[in-house]
Structures are given as C-alpha cells and as structure tokens.
Amino acid sequence: MDRVHRLIGPAGTNVHLLADERTREAIAIDTAIPSLAWISDTLRERRWTLKLIVTTHGHWDHFGDNAAVADATGAPIAVHALDAHRLTDPQPLWAPFEIPPCVPAVDLAEGGEIRFGEIRLTVLHTPGHTEGSVCLWSADDGLLFSGDTLFAGGWGRVDLPGASPELMVESLARLATFDDPLEVLPGHGRSTTIGAERPWLEMVARERRLLL
C-alpha cells in the first residue's frame, strides 16, 4: 500500500490518501477543507485514480471538501448510514466557513469491505463520538484508521449531538481486543499503536466506563 497524509484545516484533521501500487487505484479518507488542491496535485503527480471518498464520521472537519473532491474526480462518497444525514444537511458547530452538503452513495456498514486493487479495508462500526462513526482496518498492512474514536491517549468527545459515552465504552473495549502490532492512525493528532494504548483501553473495558 502506498499512502500519504497531510494535516489540514483549522481543526488539524489528518487527511489520508491510500493507493494500490500496481493498479494505482486510490481512496481518500476524511477530506477536510481545504484538501482539494493537495489531493488533486497528489493524484496527478503519482498518476493515481481516486475511486472512493471515505468519511469516518459526519463532523464538518472530516467531510468539508467531499463535494469539491467528488466533483473534481467523480469518486463516490462513503459514510455509515447513521451519519449520512450529517453530510446531506450539515449542521456545523463552530465551523469558521460554510460547509457544502454532499450526497453519500456508499454505505460503510459493519463488516463491509472497501476494495481497491489488492487492498482490503474492513469497516468497523464504532459509535460513541457519533452514531455512525467507523474505523477502517487493514489486516494485511497492520493499520487502523480510527477517525475520532481512538486517539493517542484518548478518545473522541462524547458531549456533542449524537454522541454516547456508553457506546464509546463499547467501541473502545472492542478495539482493545486487537493485536499489539496494529498501528493506529487517528483523525487528529499523532499516530500510535494498540499496544501503546492497551493499558487504559483494557481498563475502560474492565470498568465499563470512560476514565477521567
């Protein structure tokens, strides 16, 4: 897997481009504003073809450029069905600019697979930050794109509309069952590993509550 990443926008969103080395098919994950120019330049320079725009959850700092990237590339937009309304009717809290609506065409359902070239990403439905939050797991490459479910040393906010501390506990407990070598690439902040986060993840799982 070829992958590149850039920190974009006022919320410091980690935007990822992944591509199959042989077919040059690519996907984009969490296209924050303003990522269109960087995505377009990268696709052109590397001769990649964008096949899918993936949104890990329906907050403006993760899908603001979806419409622009879709218009520029023809790639469809994917999100979990429970967060689709957030993309079609944005209600952006604290956004410093207008967030264009977009229409998802692909449902990121639990257990589904995103396929491009020889790359397979499994969809894990991990609600808590929003109802439709997902993580994307590459078993072959040992990667987990965790959106705003799991950060280095923490988790996404559970005090926003659609959030649930109880569901976040369940999602974090699920992630605690993954093997230690798994690299975690969150929606914000630095990368980490499941092994590095395991002590507190297992405590959350054991105590069935979020830690203060």
Protein backbone atom coordinates (compact mmCIF):
# COMPACT_ATOMS: atom_id res chain seq x y z
CA MET A 1 0.00 0.00 0.00
CA ASP A 2 1.21 3.47 -0.89
CA ARG A 3 -0.05 6.14 1.48
CA VAL A 4 0.43 9.84 2.03
CA HIS A 5 -1.03 12.08 4.70
CA ARG A 6 -1.41 15.76 5.43
CA LEU A 7 -2.65 17.79 8.38
CA ILE A 8 -5.40 20.05 7.03
CA GLY A 9 -7.83 22.70 8.21
CA PRO A 10 -8.49 24.68 11.40
CA ALA A 11 -9.21 21.52 13.42
CA GLY A 12 -5.97 19.83 12.33
CA THR A 13 -7.59 16.89 10.56
CA ASN A 14 -5.42 14.02 9.35
CA VAL A 15 -6.34 13.54 5.68
CA HIS A 16 -5.09 10.31 4.08
CA LEU A 17 -4.64 9.11 0.51
CA LEU A 18 -4.10 5.36 0.05
CA ALA A 19 -3.29 3.65 -3.23
CA ASP A 20 -2.61 0.20 -4.62
CA GLU A 21 0.92 0.17 -6.05
CA ARG A 22 0.01 -1.93 -9.09
CA THR A 23 -3.36 -0.56 -10.21
CA ARG A 24 -2.81 2.99 -8.91
CA GLU A 25 -6.38 3.00 -7.62
CA ALA A 26 -6.73 5.24 -4.58
CA ILE A 27 -9.11 6.30 -1.85
CA ALA A 28 -9.25 9.47 0.26
CA ILE A 29 -10.09 9.40 3.96
CA ASP A 30 -11.66 12.45 5.70
CA THR A 31 -11.36 15.22 3.12
CA ALA A 32 -11.34 18.30 5.32
CA ILE A 33 -11.40 21.83 3.91
CA PRO A 34 -9.06 22.81 2.22
CA SER A 35 -7.77 19.47 0.91
CA LEU A 36 -8.91 19.59 -2.73
CA ALA A 37 -5.74 21.19 -4.11
CA TRP A 38 -3.44 18.81 -2.25
CA ILE A 39 -5.48 15.77 -3.26
CA SER A 40 -5.63 16.87 -6.91
CA ASP A 41 -1.90 17.56 -7.04
CA THR A 42 -1.04 14.25 -5.38
CA LEU A 43 -3.28 12.23 -7.70
CA ARG A 44 -1.76 13.91 -10.74
CA GLU A 45 1.86 13.63 -9.59
CA ARG A 46 1.54 9.96 -8.65
CA ARG A 47 -0.80 9.05 -11.51
CA TRP A 48 -3.39 7.72 -9.09
CA THR A 49 -7.12 7.43 -9.83
CA LEU A 50 -9.44 8.22 -6.93
CA LYS A 51 -12.08 5.51 -6.53
CA LEU A 52 -13.76 6.45 -3.25
CA ILE A 53 -14.05 9.30 -0.73
CA VAL A 54 -14.38 7.81 2.75
CA THR A 55 -15.82 9.75 5.70
CA THR A 56 -15.15 8.19 9.11
CA HIS A 57 -17.96 10.23 10.70
CA GLY A 58 -20.23 13.15 9.96
CA HIS A 59 -18.47 16.14 11.51
CA TRP A 60 -17.60 19.10 9.29
CA ASP A 61 -13.86 18.84 9.86
CA HIS A 62 -13.90 15.38 8.24
CA PHE A 63 -16.10 15.93 5.18
CA GLY A 64 -15.96 19.64 4.30
CA ASP A 65 -14.30 19.10 0.92
CA ASN A 66 -16.25 15.95 0.00
CA ALA A 67 -18.41 17.75 -2.55
CA ALA A 68 -15.46 19.51 -4.19
CA VAL A 69 -13.33 16.36 -4.36
CA ALA A 70 -16.26 14.34 -5.73
CA ASP A 71 -16.90 16.98 -8.40
CA ALA A 72 -13.22 17.05 -9.38
CA THR A 73 -12.66 13.29 -9.51
CA GLY A 74 -16.04 11.63 -10.00
CA ALA A 75 -15.36 9.43 -6.96
CA PRO A 76 -18.42 8.45 -4.88
CA ILE A 77 -18.72 9.33 -1.20
CA ALA A 78 -18.95 6.69 1.53
CA VAL A 79 -20.21 7.04 5.11
CA HIS A 80 -22.10 4.91 7.61
CA ALA A 81 -25.87 5.17 7.10
CA LEU A 82 -26.42 6.60 10.60
CA ASP A 83 -24.24 9.62 9.77
CA ALA A 84 -25.46 10.16 6.19
CA HIS A 85 -27.86 12.93 7.27
CA ARG A 86 -24.95 14.93 8.65
CA LEU A 87 -23.45 15.11 5.14
CA THR A 88 -26.65 15.91 3.25
CA ASP A 89 -27.75 18.54 5.80
CA PRO A 90 -24.64 19.90 7.54
CA GLN A 91 -25.13 21.49 10.96
CA PRO A 92 -21.54 22.53 11.62
CA LEU A 93 -20.80 23.56 15.18
CA TRP A 94 -18.10 26.25 15.37
CA ALA A 95 -17.07 25.90 11.71
CA PRO A 96 -15.27 29.06 10.52
CA PHE A 97 -16.65 28.72 7.00
CA GLU A 98 -19.63 27.30 5.15
CA ILE A 99 -19.72 23.51 4.83
CA PRO A 100 -21.17 22.37 1.49
CA PRO A 101 -23.62 19.47 1.64
CA CYS A 102 -22.77 16.26 -0.18
CA VAL A 103 -24.64 13.09 -1.07
CA PRO A 104 -23.13 9.76 0.02
CA ALA A 105 -23.58 6.86 -2.39
CA VAL A 106 -21.84 4.06 -0.46
CA ASP A 107 -22.84 2.72 2.97
CA LEU A 108 -19.96 1.86 5.28
CA ALA A 109 -21.80 -0.96 7.01
CA GLU A 110 -20.29 -3.04 9.81
CA GLY A 111 -18.19 -5.86 8.38
CA GLY A 112 -18.17 -4.43 4.88
CA GLU A 113 -15.03 -4.22 2.79
CA ILE A 114 -13.52 -1.35 0.85
CA ARG A 115 -11.59 -2.85 -2.05
CA PHE A 116 -9.21 -1.12 -4.44
CA GLY A 117 -6.55 -3.07 -6.28
CA GLU A 118 -5.33 -5.73 -3.89
CA ILE A 119 -6.03 -3.61 -0.80
CA ARG A 120 -8.84 -4.56 1.58
CA LEU A 121 -10.13 -2.36 4.39
CA THR A 122 -12.70 -3.82 6.78
CA VAL A 123 -15.34 -1.46 8.18
CA LEU A 124 -15.74 -1.50 11.96
CA HIS A 125 -18.82 0.36 13.23
CA THR A 126 -17.56 2.14 16.36
CA PRO A 127 -20.28 4.51 17.61
CA GLY A 128 -19.77 6.85 20.54
CA HIS A 129 -18.40 10.05 19.01
CA THR A 130 -21.32 9.96 16.56
CA GLU A 131 -23.93 7.31 15.85
CA GLY A 132 -22.25 6.29 12.61
CA SER A 133 -18.56 6.57 13.45
CA VAL A 134 -16.40 3.90 11.83
CA CYS A 135 -12.82 2.68 11.86
CA LEU A 136 -11.13 1.11 8.83
CA TRP A 137 -8.92 -1.90 9.48
CA SER A 138 -6.26 -3.22 7.12
CA ALA A 139 -5.33 -6.66 8.44
CA ASP A 140 -2.74 -7.12 5.68
CA ASP A 141 -0.90 -3.88 6.39
CA GLY A 142 -1.47 -3.75 10.15
CA LEU A 143 -3.23 -0.38 10.07
CA LEU A 144 -6.30 1.04 11.76
CA PHE A 145 -7.73 4.36 10.57
CA SER A 146 -9.63 5.22 13.72
CA GLY A 147 -11.32 8.53 12.89
CA ASP A 148 -12.30 10.26 16.12
CA THR A 149 -12.98 7.03 18.02
CA LEU A 150 -9.44 6.42 19.29
CA PHE A 151 -6.61 8.92 19.68
CA ALA A 152 -3.14 8.58 21.18
CA GLY A 153 -4.00 8.63 24.87
CA GLY A 154 -7.72 9.26 24.49
CA TRP A 155 -10.98 9.17 22.57
CA GLY A 156 -13.31 11.48 20.70
CA ARG A 157 -15.70 13.83 22.50
CA VAL A 158 -18.91 12.31 23.82
CA ASP A 159 -20.70 15.57 24.70
CA LEU A 160 -21.78 16.55 21.18
CA PRO A 161 -25.10 15.78 19.43
CA GLY A 162 -25.31 12.09 18.58
CA ALA A 163 -22.54 11.11 20.97
CA SER A 164 -22.83 8.45 23.67
CA PRO A 165 -20.39 7.67 26.49
CA GLU A 166 -21.90 4.20 26.83
CA LEU A 167 -21.41 3.36 23.15
CA MET A 168 -17.90 4.82 23.24
CA VAL A 169 -17.03 2.41 26.05
CA GLU A 170 -18.26 -0.49 23.91
CA SER A 171 -16.27 0.69 20.89
CA LEU A 172 -13.06 1.19 22.86
CA ALA A 173 -13.48 -2.21 24.50
CA ARG A 174 -13.78 -3.73 21.05
CA LEU A 175 -10.58 -2.06 19.86
CA ALA A 176 -8.78 -3.34 22.96
CA THR A 177 -9.15 -6.87 21.58
CA PHE A 178 -6.95 -6.18 18.55
CA ASP A 179 -3.34 -7.37 18.47
CA ASP A 180 -0.48 -5.19 19.70
CA PRO A 181 1.39 -4.55 16.41
CA LEU A 182 -1.59 -2.68 14.94
CA GLU A 183 -0.68 0.92 14.01
CA VAL A 184 -3.44 3.43 14.77
CA LEU A 185 -3.88 6.47 12.52
CA PRO A 186 -6.43 8.76 14.19
CA GLY A 187 -8.45 11.65 12.81
CA HIS A 188 -6.41 14.14 14.83
CA GLY A 189 -3.02 14.06 16.48
CA ARG A 190 -0.13 11.66 16.22
CA SER A 191 -0.22 8.00 15.31
CA THR A 192 0.04 5.32 17.97
CA THR A 193 -0.40 1.56 18.35
CA ILE A 194 -2.98 -0.63 20.03
CA GLY A 195 -0.15 -1.95 22.19
CA ALA A 196 0.71 1.53 23.45
CA GLU A 197 -2.93 2.27 24.28
CA ARG A 198 -3.75 -1.18 25.65
CA PRO A 199 -3.35 -0.46 29.41
CA TRP A 200 -6.05 2.21 29.53
CA LEU A 201 -8.19 0.56 26.84
CA GLU A 202 -8.35 -2.60 28.93
CA MET A 203 -9.21 -0.55 32.00
CA VAL A 204 -12.12 1.04 30.13
CA ALA A 205 -13.23 -2.41 29.01
CA ARG A 206 -12.93 -3.83 32.52
CA GLU A 207 -14.63 -0.97 34.37
CA ARG A 208 -17.21 -0.29 31.63
CA ARG A 209 -16.74 3.47 31.90
CA LEU A 210 -14.66 6.22 30.38
CA LEU A 211 -11.70 7.26 32.51
CA LEU A 212 -11.46 10.82 33.84
